[in-house]
Amino acid sequence: MSLTTEPRGSRTAELAAVIATCPWLLDVLVVVREAGLPGAWVGAGVLRDLVWGRRYGSGFDPRDVRDVDVAFFDPDDLTPSADVAATELLRRHDPAIPWEATNQAAVHTWYENVFGTGPVEALRSVAEAVATWPETATCAAVRLDSAGMLHVCAPLGLDDLLDGVWRRNPRRVTVELSRARLARHDPGRRWPEVRILPP
């Protein structure tokens, strides 16, 4: 598949070039597009795993992907069952993918209980949600439109993703949670050439 991208500069084209070499991720993007979830994007860890595996590790193997984060936006249904239904819809399209669909319009209804923080404001869009994801390198998402154009949502830019920098995003993630994520993901082992900026 030949990808075209929005004219947002060389870093977007650079990311598109990496994605274009991964038929597995291209298939994921097609499934998400065909599933028709409102405002759906694929992002976070799966993009980091692809880019960092290829550039800073021993390669990328889809079998090592823990989950494929699909961020969608449906302000008309804030119930937990909406996430379950969206995930099941994706599984019906391709049961081999470890889907995890999350309605970003509903994050404020559960974030405090799940992460033990104070209340958070409701998000107004997927782009606003992406800007709150835990590390700056994971604050990116992509989608394919019906014409095969790759759209990139990277409100904090693509430098840390493409340059291999692990950095806490302070917008919602506490230092404690960030330290726990750093220990759990162990980026220095998985991607030896990544530069780690401890929280």
N, C-alpha and C. Protein backbone atom coordinates (compact mmCIF):
# COMPACT_ATOMS: atom_id res chain seq x y z
N MET A 1 0.85 -1.19 0.00
CA MET A 1 0.00 0.00 0.00
C MET A 1 0.89 1.24 0.00
N SER A 2 0.55 2.19 -0.84
CA SER A 2 1.28 3.45 -0.90
C SER A 2 0.55 4.47 -0.03
N LEU A 3 1.28 5.07 0.90
CA LEU A 3 0.67 6.03 1.81
C LEU A 3 0.94 7.45 1.36
N THR A 4 -0.08 8.29 1.46
CA THR A 4 0.12 9.73 1.32
C THR A 4 -0.19 10.35 2.67
N THR A 5 0.42 11.48 2.95
CA THR A 5 0.22 12.13 4.24
C THR A 5 -0.15 13.58 4.06
N GLU A 6 -0.70 14.11 5.13
CA GLU A 6 -1.00 15.54 5.12
C GLU A 6 0.33 16.30 5.07
N PRO A 7 0.36 17.46 4.44
CA PRO A 7 1.62 18.21 4.35
C PRO A 7 1.96 18.92 5.65
N ARG A 8 2.49 18.15 6.62
CA ARG A 8 2.80 18.73 7.92
C ARG A 8 4.29 18.73 8.21
N GLY A 9 5.10 18.56 7.20
CA GLY A 9 6.53 18.60 7.44
C GLY A 9 7.18 17.24 7.36
N SER A 10 8.48 17.25 7.44
CA SER A 10 9.26 16.05 7.19
C SER A 10 9.09 14.98 8.26
N ARG A 11 8.81 15.36 9.49
CA ARG A 11 8.68 14.36 10.54
C ARG A 11 7.44 13.49 10.31
N THR A 12 6.37 14.08 9.81
CA THR A 12 5.18 13.30 9.47
C THR A 12 5.49 12.31 8.36
N ALA A 13 6.19 12.78 7.34
CA ALA A 13 6.57 11.90 6.23
C ALA A 13 7.50 10.80 6.73
N GLU A 14 8.36 11.13 7.68
CA GLU A 14 9.29 10.15 8.25
C GLU A 14 8.53 9.04 8.97
N LEU A 15 7.52 9.41 9.76
CA LEU A 15 6.70 8.41 10.43
C LEU A 15 5.94 7.57 9.41
N ALA A 16 5.37 8.22 8.41
CA ALA A 16 4.62 7.50 7.38
C ALA A 16 5.51 6.48 6.68
N ALA A 17 6.77 6.82 6.47
CA ALA A 17 7.69 5.90 5.80
C ALA A 17 7.91 4.65 6.64
N VAL A 18 7.99 4.80 7.96
CA VAL A 18 8.15 3.64 8.83
C VAL A 18 6.89 2.78 8.79
N ILE A 19 5.73 3.42 8.88
CA ILE A 19 4.46 2.69 8.86
C ILE A 19 4.27 1.95 7.54
N ALA A 20 4.69 2.56 6.45
CA ALA A 20 4.51 1.97 5.13
C ALA A 20 5.27 0.65 4.98
N THR A 21 6.30 0.44 5.81
CA THR A 21 7.08 -0.79 5.73
C THR A 21 6.52 -1.90 6.62
N CYS A 22 5.36 -1.65 7.25
CA CYS A 22 4.79 -2.62 8.20
C CYS A 22 3.39 -3.04 7.75
N PRO A 23 3.28 -4.09 6.93
CA PRO A 23 1.97 -4.53 6.47
C PRO A 23 1.00 -4.84 7.61
N TRP A 24 1.52 -5.36 8.73
CA TRP A 24 0.66 -5.67 9.87
C TRP A 24 -0.05 -4.42 10.39
N LEU A 25 0.68 -3.33 10.57
CA LEU A 25 0.07 -2.10 11.07
C LEU A 25 -0.87 -1.50 10.02
N LEU A 26 -0.50 -1.60 8.77
CA LEU A 26 -1.40 -1.11 7.72
C LEU A 26 -2.72 -1.87 7.76
N ASP A 27 -2.66 -3.18 7.99
CA ASP A 27 -3.90 -3.97 8.11
C ASP A 27 -4.71 -3.50 9.32
N VAL A 28 -4.03 -3.23 10.43
CA VAL A 28 -4.71 -2.71 11.62
C VAL A 28 -5.45 -1.42 11.29
N LEU A 29 -4.79 -0.52 10.57
CA LEU A 29 -5.41 0.77 10.23
C LEU A 29 -6.62 0.58 9.32
N VAL A 30 -6.55 -0.37 8.42
CA VAL A 30 -7.69 -0.65 7.53
C VAL A 30 -8.86 -1.20 8.33
N VAL A 31 -8.60 -2.12 9.26
CA VAL A 31 -9.67 -2.67 10.10
C VAL A 31 -10.35 -1.56 10.89
N VAL A 32 -9.56 -0.68 11.49
CA VAL A 32 -10.14 0.40 12.29
C VAL A 32 -10.98 1.32 11.41
N ARG A 33 -10.50 1.62 10.24
CA ARG A 33 -11.27 2.46 9.31
C ARG A 33 -12.58 1.78 8.95
N GLU A 34 -12.53 0.49 8.61
CA GLU A 34 -13.73 -0.22 8.17
C GLU A 34 -14.72 -0.45 9.31
N ALA A 35 -14.24 -0.52 10.55
CA ALA A 35 -15.13 -0.75 11.69
C ALA A 35 -16.06 0.43 11.92
N GLY A 36 -15.63 1.63 11.55
CA GLY A 36 -16.52 2.78 11.60
C GLY A 36 -16.75 3.38 12.98
N LEU A 37 -15.85 3.14 13.92
CA LEU A 37 -15.99 3.79 15.23
C LEU A 37 -15.83 5.29 15.07
N PRO A 38 -16.60 6.08 15.81
CA PRO A 38 -16.54 7.54 15.63
C PRO A 38 -15.19 8.12 16.00
N GLY A 39 -14.59 8.84 15.06
CA GLY A 39 -13.35 9.55 15.31
C GLY A 39 -12.21 8.66 15.76
N ALA A 40 -12.08 7.45 15.19
CA ALA A 40 -11.13 6.46 15.69
C ALA A 40 -9.72 6.66 15.14
N TRP A 41 -8.74 6.53 16.04
CA TRP A 41 -7.32 6.62 15.72
C TRP A 41 -6.60 5.46 16.40
N VAL A 42 -5.45 5.06 15.85
CA VAL A 42 -4.60 4.03 16.45
C VAL A 42 -3.33 4.73 16.93
N GLY A 43 -2.94 4.47 18.19
CA GLY A 43 -1.75 5.17 18.65
C GLY A 43 -1.13 4.61 19.89
N ALA A 44 -0.34 5.44 20.53
CA ALA A 44 0.36 5.15 21.79
C ALA A 44 1.42 4.08 21.60
N GLY A 45 1.35 3.01 22.41
CA GLY A 45 2.42 2.03 22.47
C GLY A 45 2.73 1.31 21.18
N VAL A 46 1.72 1.03 20.38
CA VAL A 46 1.99 0.26 19.16
C VAL A 46 2.86 1.06 18.19
N LEU A 47 2.66 2.37 18.12
CA LEU A 47 3.52 3.20 17.27
C LEU A 47 4.93 3.27 17.84
N ARG A 48 5.03 3.45 19.14
CA ARG A 48 6.34 3.48 19.79
C ARG A 48 7.07 2.16 19.55
N ASP A 49 6.37 1.04 19.74
CA ASP A 49 7.00 -0.26 19.57
C ASP A 49 7.53 -0.45 18.15
N LEU A 50 6.75 -0.01 17.16
CA LEU A 50 7.18 -0.14 15.78
C LEU A 50 8.42 0.72 15.51
N VAL A 51 8.32 2.00 15.82
CA VAL A 51 9.42 2.93 15.51
C VAL A 51 10.67 2.57 16.30
N TRP A 52 10.51 2.35 17.60
CA TRP A 52 11.69 2.08 18.42
C TRP A 52 12.26 0.70 18.15
N GLY A 53 11.41 -0.28 17.86
CA GLY A 53 11.91 -1.60 17.53
C GLY A 53 12.78 -1.56 16.28
N ARG A 54 12.31 -0.81 15.28
CA ARG A 54 13.05 -0.72 14.03
C ARG A 54 14.31 0.14 14.16
N ARG A 55 14.22 1.22 14.92
CA ARG A 55 15.34 2.17 14.97
C ARG A 55 16.30 1.97 16.14
N TYR A 56 15.78 1.50 17.27
CA TYR A 56 16.58 1.52 18.48
C TYR A 56 16.64 0.17 19.19
N GLY A 57 16.08 -0.85 18.58
CA GLY A 57 16.08 -2.17 19.20
C GLY A 57 16.46 -3.23 18.20
N SER A 58 15.94 -4.43 18.42
CA SER A 58 16.30 -5.57 17.58
C SER A 58 15.27 -5.84 16.49
N GLY A 59 14.34 -4.93 16.30
CA GLY A 59 13.32 -5.10 15.28
C GLY A 59 11.93 -5.05 15.88
N PHE A 60 10.93 -5.19 15.03
CA PHE A 60 9.53 -5.14 15.48
C PHE A 60 8.86 -6.46 15.14
N ASP A 61 8.24 -7.07 16.14
CA ASP A 61 7.49 -8.30 15.95
C ASP A 61 6.08 -8.07 16.47
N PRO A 62 5.06 -8.12 15.60
CA PRO A 62 3.69 -7.89 16.05
C PRO A 62 3.25 -8.81 17.18
N ARG A 63 3.87 -9.97 17.28
CA ARG A 63 3.50 -10.91 18.35
C ARG A 63 3.88 -10.39 19.73
N ASP A 64 4.76 -9.39 19.78
CA ASP A 64 5.17 -8.80 21.06
C ASP A 64 4.29 -7.62 21.49
N VAL A 65 3.35 -7.23 20.65
CA VAL A 65 2.48 -6.09 20.96
C VAL A 65 1.47 -6.51 22.02
N ARG A 66 1.47 -5.81 23.15
CA ARG A 66 0.56 -6.15 24.26
C ARG A 66 -0.88 -5.76 23.94
N ASP A 67 -1.05 -4.59 23.35
CA ASP A 67 -2.39 -4.16 22.96
C ASP A 67 -2.28 -3.11 21.87
N VAL A 68 -3.33 -3.03 21.08
CA VAL A 68 -3.43 -2.00 20.05
C VAL A 68 -4.47 -1.00 20.54
N ASP A 69 -3.99 0.17 20.96
CA ASP A 69 -4.87 1.20 21.49
C ASP A 69 -5.62 1.89 20.37
N VAL A 70 -6.95 1.81 20.43
CA VAL A 70 -7.81 2.51 19.49
C VAL A 70 -8.57 3.57 20.27
N ALA A 71 -8.26 4.81 20.00
CA ALA A 71 -8.92 5.93 20.67
C ALA A 71 -10.06 6.43 19.78
N PHE A 72 -11.28 6.39 20.32
CA PHE A 72 -12.41 6.94 19.57
C PHE A 72 -13.11 7.97 20.43
N PHE A 73 -14.08 8.67 19.86
CA PHE A 73 -14.70 9.77 20.58
C PHE A 73 -16.21 9.76 20.35
N ASP A 74 -16.93 9.36 21.42
CA ASP A 74 -18.40 9.30 21.34
C ASP A 74 -18.99 9.94 22.59
N PRO A 75 -19.28 11.25 22.54
CA PRO A 75 -19.81 11.93 23.72
C PRO A 75 -21.24 11.53 24.07
N ASP A 76 -21.89 10.76 23.20
CA ASP A 76 -23.28 10.36 23.45
C ASP A 76 -23.40 9.07 24.26
N ASP A 77 -22.29 8.37 24.48
CA ASP A 77 -22.34 7.14 25.28
C ASP A 77 -21.08 7.05 26.12
N LEU A 78 -21.19 7.46 27.38
CA LEU A 78 -20.04 7.49 28.27
C LEU A 78 -19.96 6.25 29.17
N THR A 79 -20.74 5.24 28.88
CA THR A 79 -20.77 4.04 29.71
C THR A 79 -19.57 3.14 29.42
N PRO A 80 -19.12 2.37 30.42
CA PRO A 80 -18.03 1.41 30.19
C PRO A 80 -18.37 0.39 29.10
N SER A 81 -19.65 0.11 28.94
CA SER A 81 -20.03 -0.88 27.94
C SER A 81 -19.72 -0.41 26.52
N ALA A 82 -19.57 0.89 26.33
CA ALA A 82 -19.22 1.40 25.00
C ALA A 82 -17.82 0.95 24.61
N ASP A 83 -16.89 0.96 25.56
CA ASP A 83 -15.53 0.49 25.29
C ASP A 83 -15.54 -1.00 24.98
N VAL A 84 -16.31 -1.75 25.75
CA VAL A 84 -16.39 -3.20 25.54
C VAL A 84 -16.96 -3.51 24.16
N ALA A 85 -18.03 -2.80 23.81
CA ALA A 85 -18.67 -3.03 22.51
C ALA A 85 -17.73 -2.67 21.36
N ALA A 86 -17.00 -1.57 21.51
CA ALA A 86 -16.08 -1.14 20.46
C ALA A 86 -14.94 -2.15 20.30
N THR A 87 -14.42 -2.64 21.42
CA THR A 87 -13.35 -3.64 21.37
C THR A 87 -13.85 -4.93 20.71
N GLU A 88 -15.06 -5.34 21.07
CA GLU A 88 -15.63 -6.56 20.47
C GLU A 88 -15.87 -6.39 18.98
N LEU A 89 -16.31 -5.20 18.57
CA LEU A 89 -16.50 -4.94 17.15
C LEU A 89 -15.19 -5.13 16.38
N LEU A 90 -14.11 -4.60 16.93
CA LEU A 90 -12.80 -4.76 16.29
C LEU A 90 -12.37 -6.22 16.28
N ARG A 91 -12.64 -6.93 17.37
CA ARG A 91 -12.27 -8.36 17.43
C ARG A 91 -13.02 -9.16 16.37
N ARG A 92 -14.26 -8.79 16.12
CA ARG A 92 -15.02 -9.51 15.08
C ARG A 92 -14.38 -9.30 13.71
N HIS A 93 -13.82 -8.11 13.49
CA HIS A 93 -13.14 -7.85 12.22
C HIS A 93 -11.83 -8.62 12.11
N ASP A 94 -11.06 -8.68 13.23
CA ASP A 94 -9.79 -9.41 13.22
C ASP A 94 -9.49 -9.87 14.65
N PRO A 95 -9.83 -11.13 14.96
CA PRO A 95 -9.65 -11.63 16.33
C PRO A 95 -8.19 -11.85 16.73
N ALA A 96 -7.28 -11.80 15.78
CA ALA A 96 -5.87 -12.05 16.09
C ALA A 96 -5.18 -10.83 16.69
N ILE A 97 -5.80 -9.66 16.60
CA ILE A 97 -5.19 -8.42 17.09
C ILE A 97 -5.61 -8.19 18.55
N PRO A 98 -4.68 -7.81 19.44
CA PRO A 98 -5.04 -7.54 20.83
C PRO A 98 -5.63 -6.12 21.00
N TRP A 99 -6.86 -5.96 20.56
CA TRP A 99 -7.50 -4.64 20.55
C TRP A 99 -7.78 -4.13 21.95
N GLU A 100 -7.69 -2.82 22.12
CA GLU A 100 -8.17 -2.14 23.32
C GLU A 100 -8.72 -0.78 22.91
N ALA A 101 -10.03 -0.72 22.76
CA ALA A 101 -10.69 0.51 22.32
C ALA A 101 -11.17 1.30 23.54
N THR A 102 -10.92 2.60 23.51
CA THR A 102 -11.29 3.47 24.63
C THR A 102 -11.95 4.73 24.12
N ASN A 103 -13.14 5.00 24.64
CA ASN A 103 -13.85 6.23 24.31
C ASN A 103 -13.22 7.38 25.09
N GLN A 104 -12.51 8.23 24.38
CA GLN A 104 -11.80 9.33 25.05
C GLN A 104 -12.76 10.35 25.65
N ALA A 105 -14.00 10.38 25.17
CA ALA A 105 -14.99 11.30 25.74
C ALA A 105 -15.38 10.89 27.15
N ALA A 106 -15.10 9.64 27.53
CA ALA A 106 -15.52 9.13 28.85
C ALA A 106 -14.38 9.00 29.85
N VAL A 107 -13.16 9.34 29.47
CA VAL A 107 -12.00 9.11 30.34
C VAL A 107 -12.18 9.78 31.71
N HIS A 108 -12.77 10.95 31.72
CA HIS A 108 -12.92 11.67 32.99
C HIS A 108 -13.84 10.94 33.97
N THR A 109 -14.64 10.00 33.49
CA THR A 109 -15.58 9.29 34.37
C THR A 109 -14.89 8.18 35.17
N TRP A 110 -13.69 7.74 34.74
CA TRP A 110 -13.03 6.64 35.44
C TRP A 110 -11.57 6.91 35.80
N TYR A 111 -10.97 7.95 35.26
CA TYR A 111 -9.52 8.16 35.42
C TYR A 111 -9.11 8.24 36.90
N GLU A 112 -9.84 8.99 37.69
CA GLU A 112 -9.48 9.18 39.10
C GLU A 112 -9.47 7.84 39.84
N ASN A 113 -10.49 7.01 39.61
CA ASN A 113 -10.56 5.73 40.31
C ASN A 113 -9.48 4.75 39.86
N VAL A 114 -9.18 4.74 38.58
CA VAL A 114 -8.19 3.79 38.06
C VAL A 114 -6.78 4.17 38.46
N PHE A 115 -6.46 5.47 38.42
CA PHE A 115 -5.08 5.89 38.65
C PHE A 115 -4.83 6.54 40.01
N GLY A 116 -5.89 6.67 40.82
CA GLY A 116 -5.71 7.21 42.17
C GLY A 116 -5.31 8.66 42.21
N THR A 117 -5.71 9.42 41.20
CA THR A 117 -5.41 10.85 41.16
C THR A 117 -6.65 11.64 41.56
N GLY A 118 -6.57 12.95 41.45
CA GLY A 118 -7.75 13.77 41.63
C GLY A 118 -8.61 13.73 40.37
N PRO A 119 -9.76 14.40 40.42
CA PRO A 119 -10.63 14.45 39.24
C PRO A 119 -9.92 15.11 38.06
N VAL A 120 -10.29 14.71 36.85
CA VAL A 120 -9.74 15.32 35.65
C VAL A 120 -10.88 15.87 34.81
N GLU A 121 -10.55 16.86 34.01
CA GLU A 121 -11.55 17.49 33.14
C GLU A 121 -11.92 16.55 31.99
N ALA A 122 -13.13 16.72 31.50
CA ALA A 122 -13.56 15.96 30.32
C ALA A 122 -12.74 16.42 29.12
N LEU A 123 -12.39 15.47 28.28
CA LEU A 123 -11.67 15.77 27.05
C LEU A 123 -12.65 16.15 25.96
N ARG A 124 -12.23 17.04 25.07
CA ARG A 124 -13.14 17.54 24.02
C ARG A 124 -12.88 16.93 22.65
N SER A 125 -11.80 16.16 22.52
CA SER A 125 -11.47 15.57 21.22
C SER A 125 -10.41 14.49 21.41
N VAL A 126 -10.21 13.68 20.39
CA VAL A 126 -9.14 12.70 20.45
C VAL A 126 -7.79 13.40 20.52
N ALA A 127 -7.63 14.49 19.78
CA ALA A 127 -6.35 15.21 19.81
C ALA A 127 -6.03 15.70 21.22
N GLU A 128 -7.04 16.20 21.92
CA GLU A 128 -6.82 16.65 23.29
C GLU A 128 -6.45 15.47 24.19
N ALA A 129 -7.03 14.32 23.93
CA ALA A 129 -6.71 13.11 24.69
C ALA A 129 -5.28 12.67 24.43
N VAL A 130 -4.88 12.63 23.17
CA VAL A 130 -3.54 12.19 22.80
C VAL A 130 -2.49 13.03 23.51
N ALA A 131 -2.77 14.30 23.70
CA ALA A 131 -1.82 15.21 24.37
C ALA A 131 -1.63 14.88 25.84
N THR A 132 -2.47 14.00 26.42
CA THR A 132 -2.35 13.64 27.84
C THR A 132 -1.72 12.27 28.05
N TRP A 133 -1.40 11.55 27.00
CA TRP A 133 -0.90 10.19 27.15
C TRP A 133 0.44 10.17 27.87
N PRO A 134 0.83 9.04 28.49
CA PRO A 134 1.85 9.04 29.54
C PRO A 134 3.25 9.53 29.20
N GLU A 135 3.78 9.17 28.03
CA GLU A 135 5.09 9.65 27.63
C GLU A 135 4.96 10.47 26.36
N THR A 136 5.83 11.44 26.19
CA THR A 136 5.73 12.30 25.01
C THR A 136 5.88 11.49 23.72
N ALA A 137 6.67 10.42 23.77
CA ALA A 137 6.85 9.60 22.57
C ALA A 137 5.60 8.83 22.21
N THR A 138 4.71 8.62 23.16
CA THR A 138 3.47 7.89 22.87
C THR A 138 2.30 8.84 22.60
N CYS A 139 2.55 10.13 22.61
CA CYS A 139 1.49 11.10 22.33
C CYS A 139 1.33 11.29 20.82
N ALA A 140 1.01 10.19 20.16
CA ALA A 140 0.84 10.21 18.71
C ALA A 140 -0.17 9.15 18.32
N ALA A 141 -0.93 9.45 17.28
CA ALA A 141 -1.91 8.49 16.76
C ALA A 141 -2.04 8.71 15.26
N VAL A 142 -2.47 7.67 14.58
CA VAL A 142 -2.61 7.73 13.12
C VAL A 142 -3.92 7.09 12.70
N ARG A 143 -4.37 7.47 11.52
CA ARG A 143 -5.55 6.82 10.94
C ARG A 143 -5.46 6.92 9.43
N LEU A 144 -6.15 6.02 8.75
CA LEU A 144 -6.25 6.04 7.30
C LEU A 144 -7.63 6.52 6.91
N ASP A 145 -7.71 7.42 5.95
CA ASP A 145 -9.03 7.81 5.46
C ASP A 145 -9.40 6.94 4.26
N SER A 146 -10.58 7.16 3.72
CA SER A 146 -11.09 6.29 2.65
C SER A 146 -10.26 6.39 1.37
N ALA A 147 -9.51 7.47 1.22
CA ALA A 147 -8.66 7.63 0.04
C ALA A 147 -7.26 7.04 0.24
N GLY A 148 -7.02 6.46 1.44
CA GLY A 148 -5.70 5.89 1.71
C GLY A 148 -4.70 6.89 2.20
N MET A 149 -5.16 8.09 2.58
CA MET A 149 -4.24 9.08 3.15
C MET A 149 -4.04 8.79 4.63
N LEU A 150 -2.79 8.83 5.06
CA LEU A 150 -2.46 8.65 6.46
C LEU A 150 -2.52 10.01 7.16
N HIS A 151 -3.34 10.09 8.20
CA HIS A 151 -3.42 11.30 9.01
C HIS A 151 -2.67 11.06 10.32
N VAL A 152 -1.93 12.04 10.75
CA VAL A 152 -1.13 11.93 11.97
C VAL A 152 -1.62 12.96 12.97
N CYS A 153 -1.88 12.50 14.19
CA CYS A 153 -2.26 13.37 15.29
C CYS A 153 -1.12 13.34 16.30
N ALA A 154 -0.37 14.42 16.39
CA ALA A 154 0.79 14.47 17.29
C ALA A 154 0.86 15.85 17.92
N PRO A 155 -0.02 16.11 18.90
CA PRO A 155 -0.09 17.46 19.48
C PRO A 155 1.19 17.92 20.16
N LEU A 156 2.05 16.98 20.56
CA LEU A 156 3.33 17.35 21.18
C LEU A 156 4.49 17.17 20.21
N GLY A 157 4.18 16.94 18.95
CA GLY A 157 5.22 16.73 17.95
C GLY A 157 5.67 15.28 17.90
N LEU A 158 6.55 14.99 16.96
CA LEU A 158 7.02 13.62 16.75
C LEU A 158 8.50 13.42 17.11
N ASP A 159 9.14 14.45 17.61
CA ASP A 159 10.59 14.36 17.84
C ASP A 159 10.95 13.23 18.80
N ASP A 160 10.28 13.14 19.96
CA ASP A 160 10.66 12.12 20.93
C ASP A 160 10.37 10.72 20.42
N LEU A 161 9.29 10.55 19.68
CA LEU A 161 9.00 9.24 19.09
C LEU A 161 10.08 8.86 18.08
N LEU A 162 10.36 9.74 17.15
CA LEU A 162 11.29 9.41 16.07
C LEU A 162 12.75 9.45 16.50
N ASP A 163 13.07 10.23 17.53
CA ASP A 163 14.46 10.35 17.98
C ASP A 163 14.78 9.43 19.16
N GLY A 164 13.78 8.66 19.61
CA GLY A 164 14.04 7.68 20.66
C GLY A 164 14.30 8.28 22.03
N VAL A 165 13.36 9.10 22.51
CA VAL A 165 13.51 9.72 23.83
C VAL A 165 12.32 9.33 24.71
N TRP A 166 12.61 8.68 25.84
CA TRP A 166 11.58 8.33 26.83
C TRP A 166 11.51 9.49 27.81
N ARG A 167 10.36 10.19 27.82
CA ARG A 167 10.20 11.38 28.66
C ARG A 167 8.77 11.39 29.21
N ARG A 168 8.64 11.66 30.48
CA ARG A 168 7.32 11.77 31.09
C ARG A 168 6.55 12.94 30.50
N ASN A 169 5.27 12.69 30.22
CA ASN A 169 4.36 13.77 29.86
C ASN A 169 3.64 14.20 31.14
N PRO A 170 3.90 15.40 31.65
CA PRO A 170 3.35 15.80 32.95
C PRO A 170 1.88 16.22 32.94
N ARG A 171 1.25 16.21 31.78
CA ARG A 171 -0.11 16.76 31.71
C ARG A 171 -1.10 16.03 32.61
N ARG A 172 -0.98 14.70 32.73
CA ARG A 172 -1.86 13.96 33.62
C ARG A 172 -1.14 12.91 34.45
N VAL A 173 0.02 12.48 34.03
CA VAL A 173 0.70 11.37 34.68
C VAL A 173 1.59 11.89 35.81
N THR A 174 1.35 11.39 37.02
CA THR A 174 2.16 11.80 38.16
C THR A 174 3.57 11.21 38.05
N VAL A 175 4.48 11.76 38.84
CA VAL A 175 5.85 11.24 38.87
C VAL A 175 5.84 9.78 39.32
N GLU A 176 5.02 9.46 40.31
CA GLU A 176 4.96 8.08 40.82
C GLU A 176 4.48 7.11 39.75
N LEU A 177 3.41 7.49 39.06
CA LEU A 177 2.92 6.62 37.99
C LEU A 177 3.93 6.49 36.88
N SER A 178 4.62 7.58 36.58
CA SER A 178 5.62 7.55 35.53
C SER A 178 6.78 6.63 35.89
N ARG A 179 7.21 6.68 37.15
CA ARG A 179 8.29 5.79 37.59
C ARG A 179 7.87 4.33 37.48
N ALA A 180 6.62 4.06 37.85
CA ALA A 180 6.12 2.69 37.76
C ALA A 180 6.08 2.22 36.30
N ARG A 181 5.69 3.11 35.41
CA ARG A 181 5.67 2.75 33.98
C ARG A 181 7.08 2.51 33.46
N LEU A 182 8.00 3.32 33.89
CA LEU A 182 9.40 3.15 33.46
C LEU A 182 9.93 1.79 33.91
N ALA A 183 9.64 1.41 35.15
CA ALA A 183 10.09 0.11 35.66
C ALA A 183 9.41 -1.03 34.91
N ARG A 184 8.12 -0.89 34.65
CA ARG A 184 7.36 -1.95 33.99
C ARG A 184 7.77 -2.15 32.53
N HIS A 185 7.97 -1.05 31.82
CA HIS A 185 8.29 -1.14 30.39
C HIS A 185 9.77 -1.40 30.14
N ASP A 186 10.62 -1.02 31.07
CA ASP A 186 12.06 -1.27 30.98
C ASP A 186 12.61 -0.93 29.58
N PRO A 187 12.45 0.33 29.15
CA PRO A 187 12.84 0.69 27.79
C PRO A 187 14.32 0.49 27.49
N GLY A 188 15.19 0.62 28.49
CA GLY A 188 16.61 0.43 28.25
C GLY A 188 16.95 -0.99 27.82
N ARG A 189 16.17 -1.96 28.28
CA ARG A 189 16.37 -3.35 27.87
C ARG A 189 15.75 -3.60 26.49
N ARG A 190 14.55 -3.09 26.30
CA ARG A 190 13.83 -3.37 25.05
C ARG A 190 14.42 -2.61 23.86
N TRP A 191 14.86 -1.38 24.12
CA TRP A 191 15.38 -0.54 23.04
C TRP A 191 16.69 0.09 23.53
N PRO A 192 17.80 -0.61 23.44
CA PRO A 192 19.04 -0.17 24.08
C PRO A 192 19.53 1.21 23.66
N GLU A 193 19.15 1.66 22.50
CA GLU A 193 19.67 2.95 22.03
C GLU A 193 18.76 4.13 22.38
N VAL A 194 17.65 3.88 23.07
CA VAL A 194 16.74 4.94 23.47
C VAL A 194 17.35 5.75 24.61
N ARG A 195 17.14 7.06 24.57
CA ARG A 195 17.62 7.93 25.65
C ARG A 195 16.50 8.08 26.68
N ILE A 196 16.78 7.72 27.92
CA ILE A 196 15.79 7.75 28.98
C ILE A 196 16.00 8.97 29.87
N LEU A 197 14.95 9.76 30.02
CA LEU A 197 14.96 10.90 30.93
C LEU A 197 14.08 10.53 32.11
N PRO A 198 14.66 10.07 33.22
CA PRO A 198 13.86 9.59 34.35
C PRO A 198 12.95 10.70 34.89
N PRO A 199 11.75 10.32 35.35
CA PRO A 199 10.83 11.34 35.91
C PRO A 199 11.34 11.88 37.23
